[in-house]
């Protein structure tokens, strides 16, 4: 299972990057649309990791893809290797922060806490919440807030984060409890995303939301 997990991890990630590049060249996506397609698509790696990395060595195998992409994304940041990932064709350290967050949450979730759902809520909130916030913010964002973000983008962030919070929480809690957890997570994640400068939210959103979820688990 671990070997298949690694193979499918790279297939998924390069497939997402490849599709985004093709759609960008075909003018289906602009630069920001291509970046966020990758952002959302790659976040689903966590689901794959939860399915395939399950034995006593799961943390060590799950660490390999994030480490790989810390290196590759840094090279892309320096050399613009994956144009679909870089904002405006120029390097952005946010693409490096994403796999750093993945690595930290893999160590915590698959190793120290042995609760993959803790990392899932952080990474999927980042992928879907921040991803749709940027898409809707760029397209419909007329009421500006801070760091170039908008009310419309924050609403998209809240809705997507709420859905992620409810879905992930149902893995461990009854539905009504999961709804309350989802609401708390969505309010918190939307606030964190709003006050985080672009790029840094790839660190602040997943790490802080996973930490909050862990605290909720302890308290409940």
N, C-alpha and C. Protein backbone atom coordinates (compact mmCIF):
# COMPACT_ATOMS: atom_id res chain seq x y z
N UNK A 1 0.82 -1.22 0.00
CA UNK A 1 0.00 0.00 0.00
C UNK A 1 0.86 1.26 0.00
N UNK A 2 1.95 1.25 0.76
CA UNK A 2 2.80 2.43 0.82
C UNK A 2 3.40 2.76 -0.54
N UNK A 3 3.86 1.72 -1.25
CA UNK A 3 4.46 1.94 -2.58
C UNK A 3 3.43 2.49 -3.54
N UNK A 4 2.24 1.89 -3.54
CA UNK A 4 1.17 2.40 -4.40
C UNK A 4 0.81 3.83 -4.02
N UNK A 5 0.84 4.11 -2.74
CA UNK A 5 0.56 5.47 -2.29
C UNK A 5 1.54 6.47 -2.85
N UNK A 6 2.82 6.11 -2.87
CA UNK A 6 3.84 7.00 -3.43
C UNK A 6 3.64 7.20 -4.93
N UNK A 7 3.42 6.08 -5.64
CA UNK A 7 3.23 6.17 -7.09
C UNK A 7 2.04 7.06 -7.42
N UNK A 8 0.93 6.82 -6.76
CA UNK A 8 -0.28 7.59 -7.04
C UNK A 8 -0.14 9.04 -6.60
N UNK A 9 0.67 9.28 -5.58
CA UNK A 9 0.91 10.66 -5.14
C UNK A 9 1.54 11.48 -6.27
N UNK A 10 2.58 10.93 -6.88
CA UNK A 10 3.25 11.65 -7.96
C UNK A 10 2.38 11.74 -9.20
N UNK A 11 1.62 10.68 -9.48
CA UNK A 11 0.70 10.72 -10.62
C UNK A 11 -0.31 11.84 -10.43
N UNK A 12 -0.90 11.90 -9.24
CA UNK A 12 -1.90 12.94 -8.97
C UNK A 12 -1.32 14.33 -9.12
N UNK A 13 -0.19 14.58 -8.48
CA UNK A 13 0.36 15.93 -8.46
C UNK A 13 0.80 16.39 -9.84
N UNK A 14 1.51 15.52 -10.56
CA UNK A 14 1.96 15.93 -11.90
C UNK A 14 0.80 15.99 -12.89
N UNK A 15 -0.23 15.18 -12.67
CA UNK A 15 -1.42 15.26 -13.51
C UNK A 15 -2.13 16.59 -13.31
N UNK A 16 -2.26 17.02 -12.08
CA UNK A 16 -2.90 18.30 -11.79
C UNK A 16 -2.10 19.45 -12.41
N UNK A 17 -0.78 19.43 -12.23
CA UNK A 17 0.07 20.48 -12.81
C UNK A 17 -0.02 20.45 -14.33
N UNK A 18 -0.01 19.24 -14.92
CA UNK A 18 -0.08 19.11 -16.37
C UNK A 18 -1.39 19.64 -16.93
N UNK A 19 -2.51 19.28 -16.30
CA UNK A 19 -3.81 19.76 -16.77
C UNK A 19 -3.89 21.28 -16.65
N UNK A 20 -3.40 21.82 -15.52
CA UNK A 20 -3.42 23.28 -15.33
C UNK A 20 -2.59 23.99 -16.40
N UNK A 21 -1.44 23.42 -16.73
CA UNK A 21 -0.57 24.02 -17.76
C UNK A 21 -1.25 24.01 -19.12
N UNK A 22 -1.89 22.89 -19.47
CA UNK A 22 -2.59 22.77 -20.76
C UNK A 22 -3.74 23.78 -20.83
N UNK A 23 -4.53 23.87 -19.76
CA UNK A 23 -5.66 24.79 -19.75
C UNK A 23 -5.21 26.25 -19.75
N UNK A 24 -4.07 26.50 -19.13
CA UNK A 24 -3.53 27.86 -19.15
C UNK A 24 -3.08 28.24 -20.56
N UNK A 25 -2.40 27.33 -21.23
CA UNK A 25 -1.94 27.60 -22.60
C UNK A 25 -3.10 27.72 -23.57
N UNK A 26 -4.20 27.00 -23.26
CA UNK A 26 -5.39 27.07 -24.11
C UNK A 26 -6.25 28.29 -23.78
N UNK A 27 -5.79 29.12 -22.84
CA UNK A 27 -6.48 30.33 -22.42
C UNK A 27 -7.79 30.06 -21.71
N UNK A 28 -7.96 28.82 -21.23
CA UNK A 28 -9.13 28.52 -20.41
C UNK A 28 -8.96 29.15 -19.04
N UNK A 29 -7.74 29.09 -18.52
CA UNK A 29 -7.39 29.72 -17.25
C UNK A 29 -6.40 30.85 -17.49
N UNK A 30 -6.51 31.89 -16.68
CA UNK A 30 -5.45 32.86 -16.59
C UNK A 30 -4.41 32.35 -15.61
N UNK A 31 -3.42 33.20 -15.30
CA UNK A 31 -2.36 32.79 -14.38
C UNK A 31 -2.91 32.40 -13.01
N UNK A 32 -3.80 33.25 -12.47
CA UNK A 32 -4.33 32.99 -11.12
C UNK A 32 -5.24 31.76 -11.13
N UNK A 33 -6.01 31.60 -12.19
CA UNK A 33 -6.88 30.42 -12.29
C UNK A 33 -6.08 29.13 -12.33
N UNK A 34 -4.98 29.13 -13.07
CA UNK A 34 -4.13 27.94 -13.15
C UNK A 34 -3.50 27.63 -11.79
N UNK A 35 -3.04 28.67 -11.10
CA UNK A 35 -2.43 28.47 -9.78
C UNK A 35 -3.44 27.86 -8.81
N UNK A 36 -4.65 28.37 -8.82
CA UNK A 36 -5.63 27.90 -7.86
C UNK A 36 -6.20 26.52 -8.24
N UNK A 37 -6.19 26.20 -9.53
CA UNK A 37 -6.55 24.83 -9.94
C UNK A 37 -5.56 23.85 -9.34
N UNK A 38 -4.28 24.20 -9.39
CA UNK A 38 -3.24 23.36 -8.78
C UNK A 38 -3.41 23.34 -7.27
N UNK A 39 -3.66 24.49 -6.70
CA UNK A 39 -3.83 24.64 -5.25
C UNK A 39 -4.91 23.69 -4.74
N UNK A 40 -6.06 23.72 -5.40
CA UNK A 40 -7.19 22.88 -4.98
C UNK A 40 -6.90 21.42 -5.27
N UNK A 41 -6.40 21.15 -6.48
CA UNK A 41 -6.16 19.76 -6.87
C UNK A 41 -5.14 19.06 -6.01
N UNK A 42 -4.05 19.72 -5.71
CA UNK A 42 -2.98 19.10 -4.93
C UNK A 42 -3.41 18.87 -3.48
N UNK A 43 -4.30 19.71 -2.96
CA UNK A 43 -4.75 19.52 -1.58
C UNK A 43 -5.44 18.16 -1.40
N UNK A 44 -6.00 17.62 -2.48
CA UNK A 44 -6.66 16.32 -2.40
C UNK A 44 -5.68 15.17 -2.19
N UNK A 45 -4.37 15.47 -2.28
CA UNK A 45 -3.37 14.46 -1.98
C UNK A 45 -3.56 13.91 -0.57
N UNK A 46 -4.02 14.76 0.33
CA UNK A 46 -4.18 14.30 1.72
C UNK A 46 -5.17 13.15 1.81
N UNK A 47 -6.23 13.19 1.01
CA UNK A 47 -7.21 12.10 0.99
C UNK A 47 -6.55 10.82 0.53
N UNK A 48 -5.77 10.93 -0.53
CA UNK A 48 -5.04 9.77 -1.04
C UNK A 48 -4.10 9.22 0.03
N UNK A 49 -3.41 10.11 0.74
CA UNK A 49 -2.47 9.68 1.79
C UNK A 49 -3.20 8.95 2.91
N UNK A 50 -4.37 9.41 3.27
CA UNK A 50 -5.14 8.76 4.34
C UNK A 50 -5.57 7.35 3.93
N UNK A 51 -5.79 7.14 2.65
CA UNK A 51 -6.23 5.84 2.16
C UNK A 51 -5.06 4.85 2.07
N UNK A 52 -3.91 5.31 1.58
CA UNK A 52 -2.82 4.40 1.26
C UNK A 52 -1.73 4.30 2.32
N UNK A 53 -1.51 5.35 3.10
CA UNK A 53 -0.46 5.31 4.12
C UNK A 53 -1.11 4.99 5.46
N UNK A 54 -1.13 3.69 5.80
CA UNK A 54 -1.91 3.27 6.97
C UNK A 54 -1.14 2.39 7.96
N UNK A 55 0.04 1.87 7.58
CA UNK A 55 0.71 0.96 8.51
C UNK A 55 1.66 1.72 9.44
N UNK A 56 2.50 0.99 10.15
CA UNK A 56 3.36 1.62 11.16
C UNK A 56 4.42 2.53 10.54
N UNK A 57 4.68 2.40 9.24
CA UNK A 57 5.66 3.25 8.57
C UNK A 57 5.00 4.40 7.79
N UNK A 58 3.74 4.63 8.04
CA UNK A 58 2.98 5.58 7.21
C UNK A 58 3.56 6.99 7.20
N UNK A 59 4.06 7.45 8.36
CA UNK A 59 4.59 8.81 8.39
C UNK A 59 5.78 8.97 7.47
N UNK A 60 6.70 7.98 7.47
CA UNK A 60 7.92 8.08 6.67
C UNK A 60 7.61 8.09 5.19
N UNK A 61 6.66 7.28 4.76
CA UNK A 61 6.28 7.28 3.34
C UNK A 61 5.52 8.56 2.97
N UNK A 62 4.64 9.01 3.86
CA UNK A 62 3.86 10.21 3.58
C UNK A 62 4.73 11.46 3.54
N UNK A 63 5.90 11.43 4.18
CA UNK A 63 6.79 12.57 4.17
C UNK A 63 7.49 12.77 2.82
N UNK A 64 7.60 11.70 2.04
CA UNK A 64 8.41 11.76 0.81
C UNK A 64 7.85 12.75 -0.21
N UNK A 65 6.57 12.71 -0.56
CA UNK A 65 6.07 13.69 -1.55
C UNK A 65 6.22 15.14 -1.11
N UNK A 66 5.87 15.53 0.14
CA UNK A 66 6.09 16.93 0.52
C UNK A 66 7.55 17.36 0.43
N UNK A 67 8.48 16.50 0.87
CA UNK A 67 9.90 16.84 0.78
C UNK A 67 10.30 17.04 -0.69
N UNK A 68 9.83 16.15 -1.55
CA UNK A 68 10.13 16.27 -2.98
C UNK A 68 9.69 17.62 -3.52
N UNK A 69 8.48 18.03 -3.13
CA UNK A 69 7.94 19.26 -3.72
C UNK A 69 8.39 20.53 -3.01
N UNK A 70 8.94 20.41 -1.83
CA UNK A 70 9.64 21.56 -1.25
C UNK A 70 10.83 21.90 -2.14
N UNK A 71 11.55 20.85 -2.55
CA UNK A 71 12.73 21.04 -3.40
C UNK A 71 12.33 21.52 -4.80
N UNK A 72 11.38 20.81 -5.43
CA UNK A 72 10.97 21.17 -6.79
C UNK A 72 10.33 22.55 -6.85
N UNK A 73 9.49 22.86 -5.86
CA UNK A 73 8.83 24.17 -5.87
C UNK A 73 9.81 25.30 -5.62
N UNK A 74 10.85 25.03 -4.83
CA UNK A 74 11.86 26.06 -4.64
C UNK A 74 12.65 26.29 -5.93
N UNK A 75 12.95 25.19 -6.63
CA UNK A 75 13.61 25.33 -7.93
C UNK A 75 12.74 26.08 -8.91
N UNK A 76 11.42 25.81 -8.87
CA UNK A 76 10.49 26.52 -9.74
C UNK A 76 10.43 28.00 -9.37
N UNK A 77 10.47 28.27 -8.07
CA UNK A 77 10.48 29.66 -7.59
C UNK A 77 11.70 30.41 -8.12
N UNK A 78 12.85 29.71 -8.15
CA UNK A 78 14.08 30.35 -8.62
C UNK A 78 14.19 30.40 -10.13
N UNK A 79 13.72 29.33 -10.80
CA UNK A 79 13.94 29.19 -12.23
C UNK A 79 12.66 29.25 -13.07
N UNK A 80 11.50 29.41 -12.40
CA UNK A 80 10.21 29.47 -13.10
C UNK A 80 9.97 28.21 -13.94
N UNK A 81 10.20 27.05 -13.33
CA UNK A 81 10.08 25.78 -14.06
C UNK A 81 8.63 25.43 -14.37
N UNK A 82 7.75 25.62 -13.39
CA UNK A 82 6.33 25.31 -13.58
C UNK A 82 5.56 26.64 -13.63
N UNK A 83 5.41 27.17 -14.85
CA UNK A 83 4.83 28.51 -15.00
C UNK A 83 3.40 28.58 -14.48
N UNK A 84 2.67 27.46 -14.56
CA UNK A 84 1.28 27.47 -14.10
C UNK A 84 1.18 27.67 -12.60
N UNK A 85 2.27 27.40 -11.87
CA UNK A 85 2.24 27.53 -10.41
C UNK A 85 2.63 28.92 -9.94
N UNK A 86 3.31 29.68 -10.78
CA UNK A 86 3.90 30.93 -10.32
C UNK A 86 3.00 32.11 -10.65
N UNK A 87 2.84 33.01 -9.71
CA UNK A 87 1.98 34.17 -9.90
C UNK A 87 2.61 35.14 -10.87
N UNK A 88 1.87 35.42 -11.96
CA UNK A 88 2.34 36.38 -12.94
C UNK A 88 3.62 35.96 -13.63
N UNK A 89 3.93 34.64 -13.66
CA UNK A 89 5.13 34.17 -14.29
C UNK A 89 6.38 34.39 -13.46
N UNK A 90 6.21 34.91 -12.24
CA UNK A 90 7.35 35.16 -11.38
C UNK A 90 7.25 34.31 -10.13
N UNK A 91 8.41 33.98 -9.56
CA UNK A 91 8.43 33.11 -8.39
C UNK A 91 7.66 33.70 -7.21
N UNK A 92 6.99 32.84 -6.49
CA UNK A 92 6.26 33.24 -5.29
C UNK A 92 6.50 32.18 -4.24
N UNK A 93 7.00 32.57 -3.09
CA UNK A 93 7.36 31.60 -2.07
C UNK A 93 6.16 30.87 -1.49
N UNK A 94 4.96 31.33 -1.79
CA UNK A 94 3.77 30.62 -1.36
C UNK A 94 3.75 29.19 -1.88
N UNK A 95 4.30 28.97 -3.05
CA UNK A 95 4.34 27.61 -3.61
C UNK A 95 5.30 26.72 -2.85
N UNK A 96 6.26 27.32 -2.14
CA UNK A 96 7.18 26.55 -1.31
C UNK A 96 6.57 26.32 0.07
N UNK A 97 5.84 27.33 0.57
CA UNK A 97 5.22 27.19 1.88
C UNK A 97 4.17 26.07 1.92
N UNK A 98 3.49 25.85 0.80
CA UNK A 98 2.45 24.82 0.76
C UNK A 98 3.01 23.45 1.13
N UNK A 99 4.04 22.93 0.44
CA UNK A 99 4.57 21.61 0.83
C UNK A 99 5.26 21.62 2.20
N UNK A 100 5.75 22.79 2.66
CA UNK A 100 6.28 22.86 4.01
C UNK A 100 5.16 22.60 5.02
N UNK A 101 4.00 23.20 4.78
CA UNK A 101 2.84 22.94 5.64
C UNK A 101 2.45 21.47 5.58
N UNK A 102 2.47 20.90 4.38
CA UNK A 102 2.17 19.47 4.23
C UNK A 102 3.11 18.63 5.07
N UNK A 103 4.39 18.92 4.99
CA UNK A 103 5.39 18.13 5.72
C UNK A 103 5.17 18.23 7.23
N UNK A 104 4.96 19.44 7.73
CA UNK A 104 4.75 19.61 9.17
C UNK A 104 3.51 18.84 9.63
N UNK A 105 2.43 18.94 8.85
CA UNK A 105 1.19 18.28 9.24
C UNK A 105 1.25 16.77 9.06
N UNK A 106 2.05 16.29 8.11
CA UNK A 106 2.28 14.84 7.99
C UNK A 106 2.95 14.31 9.26
N UNK A 107 4.00 15.00 9.70
CA UNK A 107 4.73 14.56 10.90
C UNK A 107 3.81 14.56 12.12
N UNK A 108 3.00 15.60 12.26
CA UNK A 108 2.09 15.69 13.40
C UNK A 108 0.95 14.69 13.30
N UNK A 109 0.31 14.62 12.11
CA UNK A 109 -0.93 13.86 11.97
C UNK A 109 -0.69 12.36 11.80
N UNK A 110 0.28 12.00 10.97
CA UNK A 110 0.55 10.59 10.73
C UNK A 110 1.53 10.02 11.77
N UNK A 111 2.25 10.90 12.44
CA UNK A 111 3.23 10.44 13.40
C UNK A 111 2.86 10.71 14.84
N UNK A 112 3.07 11.95 15.30
CA UNK A 112 2.94 12.28 16.72
C UNK A 112 1.53 12.02 17.25
N UNK A 113 0.50 12.54 16.56
CA UNK A 113 -0.87 12.40 17.06
C UNK A 113 -1.58 11.15 16.53
N UNK A 114 -1.08 10.62 15.41
CA UNK A 114 -1.72 9.47 14.76
C UNK A 114 -3.19 9.74 14.49
N UNK A 115 -3.49 10.94 14.02
CA UNK A 115 -4.84 11.36 13.66
C UNK A 115 -4.77 12.11 12.33
N UNK A 116 -4.80 11.40 11.19
CA UNK A 116 -4.70 12.07 9.89
C UNK A 116 -5.79 13.12 9.64
N UNK A 117 -6.92 13.00 10.35
CA UNK A 117 -7.99 13.98 10.15
C UNK A 117 -7.56 15.38 10.64
N UNK A 118 -6.60 15.43 11.56
CA UNK A 118 -6.12 16.74 12.03
C UNK A 118 -5.47 17.50 10.88
N UNK A 119 -4.60 16.84 10.14
CA UNK A 119 -3.96 17.49 8.99
C UNK A 119 -4.93 17.70 7.85
N UNK A 120 -5.89 16.79 7.71
CA UNK A 120 -6.86 16.88 6.60
C UNK A 120 -7.63 18.19 6.66
N UNK A 121 -8.07 18.57 7.86
CA UNK A 121 -8.89 19.77 7.96
C UNK A 121 -8.08 21.02 7.62
N UNK A 122 -6.79 21.02 7.96
CA UNK A 122 -5.94 22.17 7.63
C UNK A 122 -5.64 22.27 6.15
N UNK A 123 -5.23 21.15 5.55
CA UNK A 123 -4.82 21.17 4.14
C UNK A 123 -6.02 21.37 3.22
N UNK A 124 -7.14 20.72 3.51
CA UNK A 124 -8.31 20.89 2.64
C UNK A 124 -8.96 22.25 2.81
N UNK A 125 -8.86 22.82 4.01
CA UNK A 125 -9.32 24.21 4.18
C UNK A 125 -8.46 25.16 3.36
N UNK A 126 -7.15 24.93 3.37
CA UNK A 126 -6.27 25.74 2.54
C UNK A 126 -6.60 25.55 1.07
N UNK A 127 -6.70 24.28 0.64
CA UNK A 127 -6.92 24.01 -0.78
C UNK A 127 -8.22 24.59 -1.29
N UNK A 128 -9.32 24.20 -0.67
CA UNK A 128 -10.63 24.62 -1.16
C UNK A 128 -11.00 26.03 -0.69
N UNK A 129 -10.75 26.32 0.59
CA UNK A 129 -11.12 27.63 1.11
C UNK A 129 -10.34 28.75 0.46
N UNK A 130 -9.02 28.69 0.60
CA UNK A 130 -8.18 29.74 0.03
C UNK A 130 -8.24 29.72 -1.50
N UNK A 131 -8.38 28.51 -2.08
CA UNK A 131 -8.46 28.41 -3.53
C UNK A 131 -9.67 29.13 -4.08
N UNK A 132 -10.85 28.84 -3.53
CA UNK A 132 -12.07 29.49 -4.02
C UNK A 132 -12.13 30.95 -3.62
N UNK A 133 -11.51 31.31 -2.49
CA UNK A 133 -11.45 32.72 -2.09
C UNK A 133 -10.74 33.54 -3.16
N UNK A 134 -9.63 33.01 -3.65
CA UNK A 134 -8.86 33.73 -4.68
C UNK A 134 -9.63 33.80 -6.00
N UNK A 135 -10.24 32.68 -6.39
CA UNK A 135 -10.99 32.65 -7.65
C UNK A 135 -12.14 33.64 -7.63
N UNK A 136 -12.96 33.58 -6.58
CA UNK A 136 -14.12 34.47 -6.49
C UNK A 136 -13.68 35.91 -6.22
N UNK A 137 -12.60 36.06 -5.47
CA UNK A 137 -12.11 37.40 -5.20
C UNK A 137 -11.65 38.10 -6.46
N UNK A 138 -10.93 37.38 -7.31
CA UNK A 138 -10.44 37.96 -8.56
C UNK A 138 -11.60 38.29 -9.50
N UNK A 139 -12.59 37.40 -9.57
CA UNK A 139 -13.68 37.57 -10.53
C UNK A 139 -14.76 38.54 -10.06
N UNK A 140 -15.08 38.46 -8.76
CA UNK A 140 -16.22 39.24 -8.27
C UNK A 140 -15.85 40.24 -7.16
N UNK A 141 -14.59 40.27 -6.76
CA UNK A 141 -14.20 41.06 -5.60
C UNK A 141 -14.20 42.56 -5.84
N UNK A 142 -15.30 43.20 -5.54
CA UNK A 142 -15.42 44.65 -5.72
C UNK A 142 -15.28 45.42 -4.41
N UNK A 143 -15.48 44.74 -3.29
CA UNK A 143 -15.41 45.41 -1.99
C UNK A 143 -14.11 44.98 -1.29
N UNK A 144 -13.10 45.81 -1.43
CA UNK A 144 -11.76 45.44 -0.99
C UNK A 144 -11.59 45.57 0.52
N UNK A 145 -10.75 44.68 1.06
CA UNK A 145 -10.42 44.69 2.47
C UNK A 145 -8.92 44.94 2.61
N UNK A 146 -8.16 43.99 3.16
CA UNK A 146 -6.71 44.17 3.34
C UNK A 146 -5.95 43.21 2.43
N UNK A 147 -4.68 43.57 2.15
CA UNK A 147 -3.79 42.75 1.32
C UNK A 147 -4.42 42.40 -0.03
N UNK A 148 -5.25 43.32 -0.56
CA UNK A 148 -5.87 43.10 -1.86
C UNK A 148 -7.01 42.10 -1.85
N UNK A 149 -7.43 41.66 -0.67
CA UNK A 149 -8.50 40.68 -0.56
C UNK A 149 -9.85 41.39 -0.50
N UNK A 150 -10.93 40.63 -0.63
CA UNK A 150 -12.24 41.25 -0.78
C UNK A 150 -13.29 40.55 0.07
N UNK A 151 -14.40 41.24 0.26
CA UNK A 151 -15.54 40.65 0.97
C UNK A 151 -16.03 39.41 0.25
N UNK A 152 -16.11 39.49 -1.09
CA UNK A 152 -16.62 38.37 -1.88
C UNK A 152 -15.71 37.15 -1.75
N UNK A 153 -14.40 37.38 -1.76
CA UNK A 153 -13.46 36.29 -1.59
C UNK A 153 -13.55 35.68 -0.20
N UNK A 154 -13.74 36.52 0.81
CA UNK A 154 -13.85 36.02 2.18
C UNK A 154 -15.13 35.21 2.37
N UNK A 155 -16.21 35.59 1.69
CA UNK A 155 -17.44 34.80 1.76
C UNK A 155 -17.22 33.42 1.15
N UNK A 156 -16.53 33.38 0.02
CA UNK A 156 -16.21 32.09 -0.61
C UNK A 156 -15.33 31.25 0.30
N UNK A 157 -14.37 31.89 0.96
CA UNK A 157 -13.51 31.20 1.92
C UNK A 157 -14.33 30.61 3.05
N UNK A 158 -15.26 31.37 3.58
CA UNK A 158 -16.09 30.90 4.70
C UNK A 158 -16.93 29.70 4.29
N UNK A 159 -17.59 29.77 3.16
CA UNK A 159 -18.47 28.68 2.72
C UNK A 159 -17.68 27.40 2.48
N UNK A 160 -16.56 27.52 1.74
CA UNK A 160 -15.75 26.34 1.45
C UNK A 160 -15.14 25.75 2.72
N UNK A 161 -14.69 26.61 3.62
CA UNK A 161 -14.10 26.14 4.88
C UNK A 161 -15.14 25.45 5.76
N UNK A 162 -16.35 25.98 5.76
CA UNK A 162 -17.44 25.37 6.53
C UNK A 162 -17.73 23.97 6.02
N UNK A 163 -17.82 23.82 4.71
CA UNK A 163 -18.10 22.50 4.13
C UNK A 163 -16.99 21.52 4.46
N UNK A 164 -15.73 21.95 4.30
CA UNK A 164 -14.59 21.10 4.64
C UNK A 164 -14.63 20.73 6.12
N UNK A 165 -14.89 21.71 6.98
CA UNK A 165 -14.92 21.45 8.40
C UNK A 165 -15.97 20.43 8.80
N UNK A 166 -17.15 20.54 8.21
CA UNK A 166 -18.23 19.59 8.51
C UNK A 166 -17.88 18.19 8.01
N UNK A 167 -17.43 18.11 6.77
CA UNK A 167 -17.14 16.80 6.17
C UNK A 167 -16.04 16.08 6.94
N UNK A 168 -14.94 16.76 7.22
CA UNK A 168 -13.83 16.13 7.92
C UNK A 168 -14.23 15.77 9.36
N UNK A 169 -14.97 16.65 10.02
CA UNK A 169 -15.36 16.40 11.41
C UNK A 169 -16.28 15.20 11.55
N UNK A 170 -17.05 14.88 10.51
CA UNK A 170 -17.93 13.71 10.59
C UNK A 170 -17.16 12.40 10.63
N UNK A 171 -15.86 12.45 10.35
CA UNK A 171 -15.03 11.25 10.49
C UNK A 171 -14.87 10.87 11.96
N UNK A 172 -15.06 11.85 12.86
CA UNK A 172 -14.82 11.59 14.28
C UNK A 172 -15.98 11.97 15.18
N UNK A 173 -16.94 12.76 14.66
CA UNK A 173 -18.01 13.27 15.51
C UNK A 173 -19.38 13.07 14.86
N UNK A 174 -20.46 13.08 15.67
CA UNK A 174 -21.82 13.06 15.11
C UNK A 174 -22.06 14.30 14.25
N UNK A 175 -23.04 14.22 13.35
CA UNK A 175 -23.26 15.28 12.38
C UNK A 175 -23.50 16.64 13.02
N UNK A 176 -24.35 16.72 14.03
CA UNK A 176 -24.65 18.02 14.63
C UNK A 176 -23.42 18.64 15.28
N UNK A 177 -22.61 17.80 15.92
CA UNK A 177 -21.35 18.31 16.48
C UNK A 177 -20.42 18.78 15.37
N UNK A 178 -20.40 18.02 14.27
CA UNK A 178 -19.56 18.38 13.13
C UNK A 178 -19.98 19.71 12.53
N UNK A 179 -21.27 20.00 12.52
CA UNK A 179 -21.75 21.28 11.99
C UNK A 179 -21.24 22.43 12.84
N UNK A 180 -21.30 22.30 14.15
CA UNK A 180 -20.78 23.35 15.03
C UNK A 180 -19.28 23.50 14.88
N UNK A 181 -18.58 22.38 14.76
CA UNK A 181 -17.13 22.45 14.55
C UNK A 181 -16.83 23.14 13.22
N UNK A 182 -17.58 22.77 12.18
CA UNK A 182 -17.39 23.39 10.87
C UNK A 182 -17.60 24.89 10.91
N UNK A 183 -18.60 25.34 11.68
CA UNK A 183 -18.86 26.77 11.80
C UNK A 183 -17.71 27.49 12.49
N UNK A 184 -17.23 26.91 13.58
CA UNK A 184 -16.10 27.50 14.31
C UNK A 184 -14.86 27.55 13.40
N UNK A 185 -14.60 26.44 12.71
CA UNK A 185 -13.42 26.38 11.84
C UNK A 185 -13.51 27.40 10.72
N UNK A 186 -14.71 27.57 10.15
CA UNK A 186 -14.89 28.49 9.02
C UNK A 186 -14.66 29.94 9.46
N UNK A 187 -15.20 30.31 10.60
CA UNK A 187 -15.00 31.68 11.10
C UNK A 187 -13.51 31.94 11.35
N UNK A 188 -12.87 30.98 12.00
CA UNK A 188 -11.45 31.13 12.33
C UNK A 188 -10.59 31.18 11.07
N UNK A 189 -10.80 30.22 10.16
CA UNK A 189 -9.97 30.14 8.95
C UNK A 189 -10.15 31.37 8.07
N UNK A 190 -11.37 31.88 7.99
CA UNK A 190 -11.62 33.08 7.18
C UNK A 190 -10.88 34.27 7.75
N UNK A 191 -10.87 34.40 9.07
CA UNK A 191 -10.13 35.49 9.70
C UNK A 191 -8.63 35.38 9.49
N UNK A 192 -8.11 34.17 9.64
CA UNK A 192 -6.67 33.96 9.44
C UNK A 192 -6.27 34.24 8.00
N UNK A 193 -7.06 33.76 7.06
CA UNK A 193 -6.75 33.99 5.64
C UNK A 193 -6.78 35.47 5.31
N UNK A 194 -7.73 36.18 5.91
CA UNK A 194 -7.88 37.60 5.61
C UNK A 194 -6.66 38.41 6.07
N UNK A 195 -6.13 38.11 7.24
CA UNK A 195 -5.03 38.92 7.79
C UNK A 195 -3.65 38.42 7.38
N UNK A 196 -3.60 37.33 6.60
CA UNK A 196 -2.31 36.78 6.17
C UNK A 196 -1.92 37.35 4.82
N UNK A 197 -0.73 37.92 4.68
CA UNK A 197 -0.28 38.39 3.38
C UNK A 197 -0.25 37.25 2.37
N UNK A 198 -0.42 37.56 1.09
CA UNK A 198 -0.45 36.53 0.06
C UNK A 198 0.83 35.70 0.10
N UNK A 199 0.65 34.41 0.02
CA UNK A 199 1.78 33.49 0.11
C UNK A 199 1.90 32.92 1.50
N UNK A 200 1.89 33.79 2.52
CA UNK A 200 2.01 33.32 3.90
C UNK A 200 0.79 32.54 4.37
N UNK A 201 -0.36 32.76 3.71
CA UNK A 201 -1.55 32.00 4.11
C UNK A 201 -1.37 30.51 3.85
N UNK A 202 -0.43 30.14 2.98
CA UNK A 202 -0.15 28.71 2.77
C UNK A 202 0.50 28.07 3.98
N UNK A 203 0.99 28.90 4.90
CA UNK A 203 1.49 28.42 6.19
C UNK A 203 0.46 28.64 7.30
N UNK A 204 -0.05 29.86 7.38
CA UNK A 204 -0.90 30.23 8.50
C UNK A 204 -2.24 29.49 8.51
N UNK A 205 -2.87 29.35 7.35
CA UNK A 205 -4.20 28.74 7.31
C UNK A 205 -4.16 27.26 7.71
N UNK A 206 -3.35 26.40 7.05
CA UNK A 206 -3.40 24.99 7.41
C UNK A 206 -2.90 24.69 8.82
N UNK A 207 -1.81 25.36 9.22
CA UNK A 207 -1.23 25.06 10.53
C UNK A 207 -2.14 25.53 11.67
N UNK A 208 -2.70 26.72 11.53
CA UNK A 208 -3.54 27.25 12.61
C UNK A 208 -4.89 26.53 12.68
N UNK A 209 -5.48 26.19 11.54
CA UNK A 209 -6.77 25.50 11.57
C UNK A 209 -6.61 24.07 12.09
N UNK A 210 -5.52 23.41 11.75
CA UNK A 210 -5.27 22.08 12.29
C UNK A 210 -5.04 22.14 13.79
N UNK A 211 -4.33 23.17 14.24
CA UNK A 211 -4.11 23.35 15.68
C UNK A 211 -5.44 23.56 16.41
N UNK A 212 -6.30 24.41 15.84
CA UNK A 212 -7.60 24.65 16.45
C UNK A 212 -8.42 23.37 16.52
N UNK A 213 -8.41 22.60 15.44
CA UNK A 213 -9.16 21.33 15.43
C UNK A 213 -8.62 20.38 16.50
N UNK A 214 -7.31 20.34 16.66
CA UNK A 214 -6.71 19.50 17.69
C UNK A 214 -7.17 19.94 19.08
N UNK A 215 -7.21 21.24 19.32
CA UNK A 215 -7.67 21.75 20.60
C UNK A 215 -9.14 21.41 20.85
N UNK A 216 -9.94 21.47 19.78
CA UNK A 216 -11.36 21.11 19.90
C UNK A 216 -11.50 19.63 20.27
N UNK A 217 -10.68 18.78 19.64
CA UNK A 217 -10.70 17.35 19.96
C UNK A 217 -10.41 17.12 21.44
N UNK A 218 -9.41 17.82 21.95
CA UNK A 218 -9.03 17.68 23.36
C UNK A 218 -10.17 18.12 24.29
N UNK A 219 -10.79 19.25 23.95
CA UNK A 219 -11.83 19.81 24.79
C UNK A 219 -13.11 19.00 24.76
N UNK A 220 -13.42 18.45 23.59
CA UNK A 220 -14.64 17.63 23.49
C UNK A 220 -14.41 16.24 24.07
